[in-house]
Amino acid sequence: MLAMKKKVTMKLWITEYIDVHEGTSIGPYIKADTIAKASRIAIQYGLLVLGEIQELQHEEQEIKKIVH
């Protein structure tokens, strides 16, 4: 019998490192499919998950110049 594979979409999560003496700084990225899994990983390393990194897509507008 063939096992059905569930497609898992991995996401990138940005983290923050908080140090009582140095303050806060950006931590490493975590690759996980849910924020719950990312948070579990972050806790192991003393990090806080800030949110998911999303790619911004845009189209550049062409500026047409008229030279007389």
N, C-alpha and C. Protein backbone atom coordinates (compact mmCIF):
# COMPACT_ATOMS: atom_id res chain seq x y z
N MET A 1 0.84 -1.17 0.00
CA MET A 1 0.00 0.00 0.00
C MET A 1 0.89 1.24 0.00
N LEU A 2 0.57 2.18 -0.85
CA LEU A 2 1.36 3.41 -0.96
C LEU A 2 0.91 4.42 0.08
N ALA A 3 1.88 5.02 0.71
CA ALA A 3 1.58 6.06 1.70
C ALA A 3 1.45 7.40 0.98
N MET A 4 0.44 8.17 1.34
CA MET A 4 0.24 9.49 0.76
C MET A 4 1.13 10.49 1.50
N LYS A 5 1.89 11.23 0.74
CA LYS A 5 2.74 12.24 1.35
C LYS A 5 2.00 13.56 1.39
N LYS A 6 2.03 14.18 2.56
CA LYS A 6 1.42 15.49 2.73
C LYS A 6 2.45 16.54 2.34
N LYS A 7 2.03 17.45 1.46
CA LYS A 7 2.93 18.52 1.04
C LYS A 7 3.05 19.54 2.17
N VAL A 8 4.26 19.77 2.62
CA VAL A 8 4.53 20.72 3.70
C VAL A 8 5.24 21.93 3.12
N THR A 9 4.65 23.08 3.32
CA THR A 9 5.27 24.32 2.86
C THR A 9 6.06 24.91 4.00
N MET A 10 7.36 24.94 3.84
CA MET A 10 8.22 25.52 4.86
C MET A 10 8.20 27.04 4.74
N LYS A 11 8.20 27.68 5.88
CA LYS A 11 8.20 29.14 5.93
C LYS A 11 9.43 29.59 6.69
N LEU A 12 9.83 30.84 6.45
CA LEU A 12 10.94 31.43 7.19
C LEU A 12 10.37 32.35 8.26
N TRP A 13 10.91 32.20 9.46
CA TRP A 13 10.47 33.00 10.60
C TRP A 13 11.65 33.81 11.11
N ILE A 14 11.42 35.09 11.34
CA ILE A 14 12.49 35.96 11.85
C ILE A 14 12.41 35.95 13.38
N THR A 15 13.58 35.96 14.01
CA THR A 15 13.63 35.90 15.47
C THR A 15 14.37 37.09 16.03
N GLU A 16 14.24 37.23 17.33
CA GLU A 16 14.90 38.31 18.05
C GLU A 16 15.59 37.70 19.27
N TYR A 17 16.78 38.20 19.55
CA TYR A 17 17.53 37.76 20.73
C TYR A 17 17.49 38.90 21.74
N ILE A 18 17.08 38.59 22.95
CA ILE A 18 16.97 39.61 23.99
C ILE A 18 18.02 39.34 25.06
N ASP A 19 18.89 40.32 25.27
CA ASP A 19 19.93 40.22 26.30
C ASP A 19 19.70 41.36 27.28
N VAL A 20 19.68 41.06 28.57
CA VAL A 20 19.37 42.08 29.57
C VAL A 20 20.42 43.19 29.61
N HIS A 21 21.65 42.89 29.21
CA HIS A 21 22.71 43.90 29.25
C HIS A 21 22.90 44.60 27.91
N GLU A 22 22.80 43.85 26.83
CA GLU A 22 23.06 44.38 25.50
C GLU A 22 21.80 44.90 24.80
N GLY A 23 20.62 44.52 25.25
CA GLY A 23 19.37 44.90 24.59
C GLY A 23 18.93 43.83 23.61
N THR A 24 18.18 44.24 22.61
CA THR A 24 17.67 43.27 21.63
C THR A 24 18.44 43.37 20.32
N SER A 25 18.48 42.26 19.62
CA SER A 25 19.08 42.22 18.29
C SER A 25 18.36 41.16 17.47
N ILE A 26 18.48 41.28 16.17
CA ILE A 26 17.85 40.31 15.28
C ILE A 26 18.56 38.98 15.42
N GLY A 27 17.78 37.93 15.55
CA GLY A 27 18.33 36.58 15.68
C GLY A 27 18.37 35.89 14.33
N PRO A 28 18.68 34.62 14.32
CA PRO A 28 18.73 33.86 13.07
C PRO A 28 17.32 33.55 12.56
N TYR A 29 17.24 33.21 11.29
CA TYR A 29 15.98 32.77 10.71
C TYR A 29 15.73 31.33 11.11
N ILE A 30 14.47 30.97 11.27
CA ILE A 30 14.09 29.59 11.56
C ILE A 30 13.21 29.11 10.42
N LYS A 31 13.49 27.92 9.91
CA LYS A 31 12.68 27.33 8.86
C LYS A 31 11.76 26.30 9.50
N ALA A 32 10.44 26.55 9.43
CA ALA A 32 9.44 25.65 10.00
C ALA A 32 8.12 25.89 9.26
N ASP A 33 7.22 24.91 9.31
CA ASP A 33 5.96 25.06 8.59
C ASP A 33 4.87 25.79 9.38
N THR A 34 5.01 25.90 10.70
CA THR A 34 4.03 26.63 11.50
C THR A 34 4.75 27.50 12.53
N ILE A 35 4.04 28.51 13.02
CA ILE A 35 4.63 29.37 14.04
C ILE A 35 4.83 28.61 15.34
N ALA A 36 3.98 27.62 15.60
CA ALA A 36 4.13 26.81 16.82
C ALA A 36 5.45 26.04 16.81
N LYS A 37 5.77 25.45 15.66
CA LYS A 37 7.04 24.70 15.55
C LYS A 37 8.22 25.66 15.61
N ALA A 38 8.09 26.81 14.98
CA ALA A 38 9.17 27.81 15.01
C ALA A 38 9.40 28.29 16.44
N SER A 39 8.33 28.49 17.18
CA SER A 39 8.44 28.94 18.57
C SER A 39 9.13 27.91 19.45
N ARG A 40 8.81 26.63 19.22
CA ARG A 40 9.47 25.57 20.00
C ARG A 40 10.98 25.56 19.75
N ILE A 41 11.36 25.74 18.50
CA ILE A 41 12.79 25.79 18.15
C ILE A 41 13.43 27.03 18.78
N ALA A 42 12.73 28.17 18.67
CA ALA A 42 13.27 29.43 19.20
C ALA A 42 13.51 29.35 20.70
N ILE A 43 12.58 28.75 21.42
CA ILE A 43 12.71 28.64 22.88
C ILE A 43 13.97 27.86 23.26
N GLN A 44 14.30 26.83 22.48
CA GLN A 44 15.50 26.03 22.77
C GLN A 44 16.77 26.88 22.73
N TYR A 45 16.75 27.95 21.93
CA TYR A 45 17.93 28.79 21.76
C TYR A 45 17.79 30.16 22.42
N GLY A 46 16.76 30.34 23.21
CA GLY A 46 16.57 31.60 23.91
C GLY A 46 16.17 32.75 23.00
N LEU A 47 15.39 32.43 21.98
CA LEU A 47 14.97 33.43 21.00
C LEU A 47 13.46 33.66 21.09
N LEU A 48 13.01 34.74 20.47
CA LEU A 48 11.59 35.06 20.37
C LEU A 48 11.24 35.18 18.89
N VAL A 49 10.19 34.49 18.45
CA VAL A 49 9.76 34.58 17.06
C VAL A 49 8.97 35.88 16.89
N LEU A 50 9.40 36.70 15.93
CA LEU A 50 8.71 37.96 15.66
C LEU A 50 7.61 37.81 14.63
N GLY A 51 7.83 36.96 13.62
CA GLY A 51 6.82 36.78 12.59
C GLY A 51 7.41 36.10 11.36
N GLU A 52 6.53 35.87 10.41
CA GLU A 52 6.91 35.19 9.17
C GLU A 52 7.51 36.20 8.19
N ILE A 53 8.55 35.79 7.52
CA ILE A 53 9.16 36.62 6.49
C ILE A 53 8.40 36.36 5.19
N GLN A 54 7.93 37.43 4.59
CA GLN A 54 7.21 37.29 3.32
C GLN A 54 7.92 38.08 2.26
N GLU A 55 7.91 37.53 1.08
CA GLU A 55 8.57 38.19 -0.05
C GLU A 55 7.64 39.25 -0.63
N LEU A 56 8.17 40.43 -0.79
CA LEU A 56 7.41 41.50 -1.41
C LEU A 56 7.72 41.53 -2.89
N GLN A 57 6.69 41.54 -3.70
CA GLN A 57 6.87 41.59 -5.14
C GLN A 57 6.27 42.89 -5.65
N HIS A 58 6.98 43.50 -6.56
CA HIS A 58 6.48 44.74 -7.14
C HIS A 58 7.01 44.88 -8.56
N GLU A 59 6.33 45.73 -9.29
CA GLU A 59 6.76 46.03 -10.65
C GLU A 59 7.26 47.46 -10.67
N GLU A 60 8.40 47.65 -11.27
CA GLU A 60 8.94 49.00 -11.37
C GLU A 60 8.22 49.74 -12.49
N GLN A 61 7.86 50.96 -12.20
CA GLN A 61 7.20 51.78 -13.21
C GLN A 61 8.25 52.47 -14.06
N GLU A 62 8.05 52.42 -15.35
CA GLU A 62 8.98 53.11 -16.26
C GLU A 62 8.59 54.57 -16.34
N ILE A 63 9.58 55.41 -16.19
CA ILE A 63 9.35 56.85 -16.33
C ILE A 63 9.76 57.24 -17.74
N LYS A 64 8.76 57.72 -18.48
CA LYS A 64 9.04 58.11 -19.86
C LYS A 64 9.42 59.58 -19.89
N LYS A 65 10.59 59.84 -20.44
CA LYS A 65 11.08 61.21 -20.54
C LYS A 65 10.97 61.68 -21.99
N ILE A 66 10.49 62.88 -22.13
CA ILE A 66 10.41 63.48 -23.46
C ILE A 66 11.49 64.55 -23.58
N VAL A 67 12.35 64.38 -24.55
CA VAL A 67 13.43 65.35 -24.77
C VAL A 67 13.06 66.16 -26.01
N HIS A 68 13.05 67.49 -25.85
CA HIS A 68 12.72 68.39 -26.98
C HIS A 68 13.97 68.99 -27.55
